[in-house]
Protein backbone atom coordinates (compact mmCIF):
# COMPACT_ATOMS: atom_id res chain seq x y z
CA MET A 1 11.00 -27.72 -1.67
CA ARG A 2 8.69 -28.14 1.29
CA ILE A 3 7.44 -25.68 4.06
CA THR A 4 8.48 -27.08 7.38
CA LYS A 5 7.56 -24.45 9.98
CA MET A 6 6.17 -20.93 10.43
CA GLU A 7 7.74 -18.68 12.48
CA THR A 8 6.26 -15.28 13.63
CA ALA A 9 7.15 -11.81 15.47
CA LEU A 10 5.02 -8.96 16.64
CA VAL A 11 7.00 -5.52 16.03
CA ASP A 12 5.59 -2.27 17.49
CA LEU A 13 7.24 0.78 15.44
CA PRO A 14 6.69 4.03 17.43
CA LEU A 15 6.36 7.03 15.06
CA PRO A 16 8.55 10.37 15.66
CA GLU A 17 5.22 12.25 16.46
CA PRO A 18 1.41 11.33 16.25
CA LEU A 19 0.09 11.88 12.88
CA ARG A 20 -3.51 12.76 11.79
CA THR A 21 -5.97 12.41 9.02
CA ALA A 22 -9.28 12.91 8.35
CA ILE A 23 -10.06 10.14 10.15
CA HIS A 24 -7.14 8.65 11.66
CA GLU A 25 -5.05 9.35 14.98
CA ILE A 26 -1.53 7.57 14.34
CA LYS A 27 1.07 6.96 17.11
CA ASN A 28 2.64 3.62 16.21
CA VAL A 29 2.65 1.31 13.45
CA CYS A 30 2.27 -2.54 14.63
CA CYS A 31 4.03 -5.10 12.53
CA PHE A 32 3.35 -9.04 12.16
CA LEU A 33 6.02 -10.73 10.80
CA LEU A 34 5.87 -14.09 9.12
CA THR A 35 8.77 -16.64 8.41
CA LEU A 36 8.07 -19.65 6.29
CA HIS A 37 11.19 -22.21 6.53
CA THR A 38 11.87 -25.05 4.27
CA ASP A 39 13.55 -28.41 3.90
CA SER A 40 15.88 -26.66 1.34
CA GLY A 41 17.13 -24.14 3.81
CA LEU A 42 15.61 -21.17 2.07
CA THR A 43 13.39 -19.06 4.05
CA GLY A 44 10.51 -16.92 2.95
CA GLU A 45 9.42 -13.70 4.56
CA GLY A 46 5.70 -11.73 4.87
CA TYR A 47 4.36 -9.36 6.85
CA GLY A 48 1.07 -7.38 7.77
CA PHE A 49 0.16 -4.30 10.00
CA SER A 50 -2.13 -2.65 11.99
CA PHE A 51 -2.11 0.36 14.23
CA GLN A 52 -3.36 -1.63 17.22
CA MET A 53 -1.29 -4.42 18.45
CA ASN A 54 -4.61 -6.16 20.19
CA ARG A 55 -5.77 -6.03 16.76
CA LEU A 56 -3.04 -7.48 15.15
CA LYS A 57 -2.77 -10.33 17.38
CA ALA A 58 -5.93 -11.46 16.25
CA ILE A 59 -4.59 -11.24 12.91
CA ARG A 60 -1.39 -13.23 13.66
CA ASP A 61 -3.93 -15.95 15.58
CA PHE A 62 -5.84 -16.24 12.39
CA THR A 63 -2.74 -16.65 10.18
CA LEU A 64 -1.37 -19.33 12.62
CA SER A 65 -4.72 -21.29 12.40
CA LEU A 66 -4.01 -21.83 8.60
CA GLU A 67 -0.68 -23.71 9.65
CA ASN A 68 -2.12 -26.82 8.50
CA LEU A 69 -2.95 -25.85 5.00
CA VAL A 70 0.79 -24.44 4.76
CA ILE A 71 3.27 -26.83 6.31
CA GLY A 72 4.38 -29.97 3.96
CA ARG A 73 3.17 -27.92 0.94
CA ASP A 74 5.52 -26.97 -1.97
CA PRO A 75 5.55 -22.94 -1.93
CA HIS A 76 5.56 -23.00 -5.95
CA ASP A 77 1.94 -24.17 -5.60
CA VAL A 78 0.99 -20.91 -4.34
CA GLU A 79 -2.03 -20.41 -6.29
CA LYS A 80 -3.37 -23.64 -4.79
CA ILE A 81 -2.30 -22.91 -1.40
CA TRP A 82 -4.31 -19.50 -2.01
CA ALA A 83 -7.08 -21.04 -3.32
CA ASP A 84 -7.21 -23.90 -0.38
CA ILE A 85 -7.17 -21.14 2.32
CA GLN A 86 -10.10 -19.18 0.81
CA ARG A 87 -11.97 -22.11 0.61
CA ALA A 88 -11.45 -22.94 4.61
CA LEU A 89 -12.18 -19.32 5.40
CA ASN A 90 -15.34 -19.15 3.10
CA PHE A 91 -17.65 -19.17 6.92
CA TYR A 92 -15.69 -15.86 7.56
CA GLY A 93 -16.20 -13.91 4.20
CA GLN A 94 -13.72 -12.97 1.71
CA ALA A 95 -12.86 -9.44 3.37
CA GLY A 96 -11.55 -8.58 6.79
CA VAL A 97 -9.15 -10.63 8.87
CA ALA A 98 -9.62 -13.83 6.76
CA VAL A 99 -7.97 -12.04 3.90
CA LEU A 100 -5.48 -10.20 6.14
CA ALA A 101 -4.34 -13.28 7.61
CA THR A 102 -3.62 -14.91 4.17
CA ASN A 103 -1.43 -11.97 3.08
CA PRO A 104 1.69 -12.71 4.99
CA ILE A 105 1.60 -16.16 3.86
CA ASP A 106 1.30 -15.49 0.38
CA LEU A 107 4.08 -12.65 0.38
CA ALA A 108 6.28 -15.49 1.96
CA CYS A 109 5.65 -18.19 -0.62
CA TRP A 110 6.56 -15.98 -3.36
CA ASP A 111 9.49 -14.68 -1.77
CA LEU A 112 10.52 -18.76 -1.38
CA ILE A 113 9.58 -18.69 -5.25
CA GLY A 114 11.91 -16.06 -5.94
CA LYS A 115 14.83 -17.01 -3.88
CA ALA A 116 14.37 -20.63 -5.16
CA ALA A 117 15.04 -19.33 -8.99
CA GLY A 118 17.46 -16.77 -8.04
CA GLN A 119 15.35 -13.99 -9.51
CA PRO A 120 13.89 -10.70 -8.10
CA LEU A 121 9.91 -11.16 -8.36
CA TYR A 122 9.19 -8.36 -10.83
CA ARG A 123 10.99 -10.43 -13.40
CA LEU A 124 9.30 -13.53 -12.39
CA PHE A 125 5.90 -11.64 -12.68
CA GLY A 126 7.32 -10.50 -16.19
CA ALA A 127 9.15 -7.05 -16.21
CA CYS A 128 7.91 -4.00 -17.80
CA ARG A 129 10.44 -1.38 -15.99
CA ASP A 130 13.23 -1.92 -13.75
CA ARG A 131 13.14 1.48 -12.12
CA VAL A 132 9.43 3.13 -10.88
CA PRO A 133 8.52 6.76 -9.75
CA VAL A 134 7.73 7.16 -6.32
CA TYR A 135 5.73 9.84 -4.46
CA ALA A 136 6.33 11.07 -1.02
CA SER A 137 3.69 9.85 1.44
CA GLY A 138 5.08 10.01 4.88
CA GLY A 139 4.44 13.44 5.52
CA LEU A 140 2.21 16.50 4.75
CA TRP A 141 -0.19 15.04 7.22
CA LEU A 142 -3.51 17.08 8.71
CA SER A 143 -1.73 17.73 11.93
CA SER A 144 0.48 20.25 10.40
CA ASP A 145 0.01 23.91 9.87
CA CYS A 146 0.72 25.42 6.30
CA GLU A 147 4.02 26.90 7.42
CA ALA A 148 5.24 23.39 8.80
CA LEU A 149 3.67 21.81 5.19
CA ALA A 150 5.87 24.31 3.23
CA ARG A 151 9.09 23.18 5.37
CA GLU A 152 8.13 19.36 4.89
CA ALA A 153 7.31 20.10 1.17
CA ARG A 154 10.74 21.65 0.37
CA SER A 155 12.40 19.12 2.28
CA PHE A 156 10.96 16.09 0.35
CA ARG A 157 11.95 17.87 -3.05
CA ALA A 158 15.40 18.20 -1.83
CA GLN A 159 15.23 14.37 -1.13
CA ASN A 160 14.66 14.17 -4.86
CA PHE A 161 11.20 13.28 -4.51
CA ARG A 162 9.28 14.54 -7.73
CA ALA A 163 5.85 13.93 -6.55
CA MET A 164 4.30 14.21 -3.09
CA LYS A 165 1.09 13.53 -1.26
CA LEU A 166 -1.19 16.32 0.80
CA ARG A 167 -3.85 15.06 3.50
CA LEU A 168 -7.11 17.00 3.41
CA GLY A 169 -10.08 16.99 5.48
CA SER A 170 -10.29 20.26 7.29
CA PRO A 171 -13.55 21.24 8.99
CA ARG A 172 -13.49 24.21 6.23
CA TRP A 173 -12.95 23.56 2.88
CA GLN A 174 -11.38 27.19 2.65
CA ASP A 175 -8.45 25.73 4.94
CA ASP A 176 -7.87 22.81 2.93
CA ILE A 177 -7.25 25.24 -0.05
CA ALA A 178 -4.89 27.10 1.72
CA ARG A 179 -2.82 23.88 2.77
CA VAL A 180 -2.69 22.96 -1.01
CA GLU A 181 -1.62 26.40 -1.86
CA ALA A 182 0.89 26.58 0.97
CA VAL A 183 2.29 23.33 -0.45
CA ARG A 184 2.16 24.04 -4.26
CA ASP A 185 3.99 27.59 -3.65
CA ALA A 186 6.79 25.79 -2.11
CA ILE A 187 7.45 23.10 -4.66
CA GLY A 188 6.45 25.16 -7.64
CA PRO A 189 4.44 23.85 -10.61
CA ASP A 190 7.05 21.36 -11.95
CA ILE A 191 6.42 18.79 -8.83
CA ALA A 192 3.68 16.65 -9.07
CA LEU A 193 1.30 16.92 -6.28
CA MET A 194 -1.46 14.46 -4.99
CA VAL A 195 -4.17 15.12 -2.01
CA ASP A 196 -6.08 12.63 -0.06
CA ALA A 197 -8.92 13.27 2.12
CA ASN A 198 -9.13 9.60 3.85
CA GLN A 199 -12.49 8.96 3.09
CA GLY A 200 -13.56 11.98 5.51
CA LEU A 201 -16.01 13.92 3.62
CA ASN A 202 -19.63 13.68 2.77
CA GLU A 203 -21.05 14.22 -1.24
CA ALA A 204 -21.42 17.95 -0.61
CA ARG A 205 -18.34 19.03 1.07
CA ALA A 206 -16.36 16.64 -1.42
CA LEU A 207 -17.84 18.45 -4.36
CA ARG A 208 -17.29 21.86 -2.74
CA LEU A 209 -13.68 21.03 -2.41
CA GLY A 210 -13.29 19.11 -5.36
CA ARG A 211 -14.24 22.40 -7.78
CA GLU A 212 -11.77 24.25 -5.83
CA LEU A 213 -8.89 22.06 -6.24
CA GLU A 214 -9.33 21.68 -10.20
CA ARG A 215 -6.95 24.82 -10.47
CA PHE A 216 -4.29 23.24 -8.90
CA ASP A 217 -3.54 20.55 -11.50
CA LEU A 218 -3.53 17.66 -9.10
CA VAL A 219 -2.42 14.26 -10.20
CA TRP A 220 -5.64 12.84 -8.36
CA TYR A 221 -8.18 13.75 -5.58
CA GLU A 222 -7.95 10.60 -3.55
CA GLU A 223 -10.89 9.04 -1.05
CA PRO A 224 -12.88 11.77 -0.95
CA LEU A 225 -15.79 9.53 0.34
CA PRO A 226 -16.17 6.08 2.12
CA THR A 227 -15.00 3.08 -0.18
CA TRP A 228 -18.89 2.08 -0.15
CA CYS A 229 -20.35 5.02 -1.62
CA ASP A 230 -20.51 4.06 -5.23
CA ALA A 231 -23.22 6.46 -6.15
CA GLY A 232 -21.59 9.56 -4.52
CA HIS A 233 -18.10 8.73 -6.68
CA ARG A 234 -19.89 8.32 -9.81
CA ALA A 235 -21.61 11.76 -9.09
CA LEU A 236 -18.36 13.65 -8.21
CA ALA A 237 -16.56 11.58 -11.20
CA GLN A 238 -18.95 13.09 -13.54
CA ALA A 239 -18.92 16.64 -11.88
CA LEU A 240 -14.94 17.18 -11.44
CA ASP A 241 -12.14 17.24 -14.14
CA VAL A 242 -9.82 16.33 -11.28
CA PRO A 243 -9.24 12.43 -11.39
CA LEU A 244 -10.51 10.23 -8.49
CA ALA A 245 -8.56 7.86 -6.79
CA SER A 246 -9.69 4.91 -4.32
CA GLY A 247 -9.73 1.50 -3.58
CA GLU A 248 -7.18 0.88 -0.74
CA THR A 249 -9.75 -0.71 1.70
CA GLU A 250 -11.25 -2.88 -1.11
CA TYR A 251 -10.68 -6.56 -0.78
CA THR A 252 -9.90 -8.92 -3.34
CA ALA A 253 -10.17 -8.47 -6.98
CA GLN A 254 -13.82 -8.87 -6.56
CA GLY A 255 -13.95 -5.55 -4.80
CA ILE A 256 -11.62 -3.64 -7.08
CA ARG A 257 -14.05 -4.80 -9.88
CA ARG A 258 -17.20 -3.55 -8.10
CA MET A 259 -15.56 -0.03 -7.54
CA VAL A 260 -14.69 -0.20 -11.36
CA GLU A 261 -17.95 -1.08 -12.67
CA HIS A 262 -20.06 0.75 -10.35
CA ALA A 263 -17.97 3.98 -8.78
CA GLY A 264 -16.34 5.65 -11.73
CA ILE A 265 -12.89 5.77 -10.21
CA ASP A 266 -9.97 7.05 -12.34
CA ILE A 267 -6.96 5.64 -10.68
CA MET A 268 -7.27 2.20 -8.69
CA MET A 269 -5.09 1.73 -5.47
CA PRO A 270 -5.34 -1.71 -4.30
CA ASP A 271 -3.73 -2.59 -1.14
CA LEU A 272 -1.40 -5.88 -1.11
CA GLN A 273 -2.73 -6.68 2.55
CA ARG A 274 -6.35 -6.37 1.62
CA MET A 275 -5.60 -8.27 -1.71
CA GLY A 276 -4.26 -11.15 0.41
CA GLY A 277 -0.72 -11.06 -1.00
CA TYR A 278 0.54 -10.94 -4.59
CA THR A 279 -1.32 -13.72 -6.12
CA GLU A 280 -4.68 -11.93 -5.73
CA MET A 281 -3.08 -8.29 -6.32
CA ARG A 282 -1.82 -9.57 -9.66
CA ARG A 283 -4.98 -10.79 -10.64
CA ALA A 284 -6.47 -7.31 -9.82
CA CYS A 285 -3.78 -5.15 -11.47
CA GLN A 286 -4.41 -7.71 -14.51
CA TYR A 287 -8.18 -6.89 -14.72
CA LEU A 288 -7.82 -3.18 -14.30
CA ALA A 289 -5.07 -3.40 -17.66
CA VAL A 290 -7.75 -5.10 -19.32
CA ARG A 291 -9.92 -2.09 -18.53
CA GLU A 292 -7.15 0.45 -19.16
CA VAL A 293 -7.42 1.74 -15.56
CA PRO A 294 -4.26 3.45 -14.08
CA VAL A 295 -2.86 1.68 -10.92
CA SER A 296 -1.21 2.96 -8.36
CA PRO A 297 -0.82 0.35 -4.82
CA HIS A 298 -1.44 1.62 -1.47
CA ILE A 299 1.79 1.48 0.76
CA PHE A 300 4.08 -1.38 1.48
CA THR A 301 6.74 0.35 -0.85
CA GLU A 302 9.44 -2.19 -0.91
CA HIS A 303 6.75 -4.81 -1.84
CA SER A 304 4.67 -3.06 -4.18
CA LEU A 305 7.91 -2.08 -6.12
CA HIS A 306 7.50 -5.35 -7.82
CA ILE A 307 3.74 -4.79 -8.85
CA VAL A 308 4.46 -1.03 -10.11
CA ALA A 309 7.59 -2.80 -12.06
CA SER A 310 5.25 -5.51 -13.68
CA SER A 311 2.09 -3.88 -14.18
CA PRO A 312 2.04 -1.89 -17.40
CA ASN A 313 -0.97 0.34 -16.30
CA ALA A 314 0.74 1.23 -13.18
CA THR A 315 1.83 4.64 -12.68
CA TRP A 316 3.28 5.90 -9.21
CA CYS A 317 4.61 3.67 -6.56
CA GLU A 318 3.57 5.34 -2.78
CA HIS A 319 6.64 5.95 -0.53
CA MET A 320 5.93 5.33 3.08
CA PRO A 321 9.03 5.03 5.07
CA TRP A 322 6.81 3.22 7.98
CA PHE A 323 8.45 -0.32 7.46
CA SER A 324 11.81 0.67 6.61
CA ALA A 325 13.02 -0.12 10.24
CA LEU A 326 12.37 -3.88 9.69
CA PHE A 327 14.74 -4.56 6.44
CA ALA A 328 18.24 -4.63 6.10
CA GLU A 329 18.07 -3.12 2.79
CA GLU A 330 17.47 0.37 1.87
CA MET A 331 15.65 2.16 -0.96
CA THR A 332 17.56 5.24 -2.52
CA ILE A 333 15.66 7.74 -4.81
CA ASP A 334 17.79 9.06 -7.71
CA ALA A 335 17.82 12.39 -9.03
CA ASP A 336 14.62 11.40 -10.99
CA GLY A 337 12.53 10.87 -8.40
CA MET A 338 12.82 6.97 -9.16
CA VAL A 339 13.81 3.93 -7.07
CA ALA A 340 15.59 0.95 -8.67
CA LEU A 341 14.25 -2.54 -8.46
CA PRO A 342 16.62 -4.76 -6.37
CA ASP A 343 18.20 -7.56 -8.13
CA ARG A 344 18.30 -9.65 -5.04
CA PRO A 345 16.15 -12.61 -5.47
CA GLY A 346 12.75 -12.72 -4.30
CA ILE A 347 11.21 -9.58 -2.63
CA GLY A 348 14.72 -8.47 -2.20
CA PHE A 349 14.23 -6.70 1.13
CA THR A 350 14.57 -9.03 4.26
CA PHE A 351 14.18 -8.85 7.83
CA ASP A 352 16.95 -7.37 10.30
CA PRO A 353 16.13 -8.49 13.92
CA ASN A 354 19.18 -6.15 15.16
CA LYS A 355 17.23 -3.15 13.68
CA PHE A 356 13.75 -4.22 15.13
CA ASP A 357 14.64 -6.06 18.21
CA LYS A 358 14.13 -3.21 20.69
CA TYR A 359 10.35 -3.09 19.31
CA ARG A 360 9.68 -6.63 19.35
CA LEU A 361 6.91 -8.28 21.70
CA ALA A 362 7.92 -11.05 23.98
């Protein structure tokens, strides 16, 4: 089987209403879709995203510049393809656009490998479960007041979610505590609750808020500080009882290793796109398993399911509904708050132009 063609599409998915975190204003989700065609008739699919279409186009162009390293190759040689691309992009560094551009290619190669084998990827990776727990991440934004948060939290519980994540980062820590209290009162003590400050705090604010959060029995306190603030994370980890989670904006397994060795993070959250695809994501997860560090991948639910199902140190899968409009298949959350892995070959979720054509850029 040889790759014969790269086909791309740009899709601009609007959100029902603007969303806000401590550092983001989000109005739409821009997606770059890649399809690899082969001489066997099989196709493999991968995608990446950004919040700005003009910047996503730059990622798309970077991916297309790698065509000569992909066409004519057997997708089963995915490790060599990944290594050849990284060597070719050495001039641009092992982070940023150079890695983001690799991600759709790597995902599509693995999709082809699974389809050729007639197996879902989590089984090829080495399955340790066929259902994974998910937490609701598509709501409880900083742009909602306490009354709206309570309504939304109850709605998530009614949808069978047994865990959910709340965004923090208000100017006053007291307002953040009021938000946590509103959600906890709405869902009760038996639903798992995470909070995320989206790297929006300084060390003093993060410590003050963290001390107040300890009484809420949280699963984790996510990204209180910028990802590069190793000394600050280490100080927080030593001062607080609530577990710290971070890592979604680190690139490749080397960035994850640096945070583990220097920052004292309790739960790592590697991002499939910033890892450059499944090939490097699996290396990061295996390294974390050796270090006995829990893993909870960042977004890309349809794809991250395979990582959680094949990583013994994985805990939760983040359920982010932003990308559901891309796929023909849907995920179902069972009464236990779990999603069953698809038994379809490859990634198990396929692009559906009928759903996203109206959002496609010419």
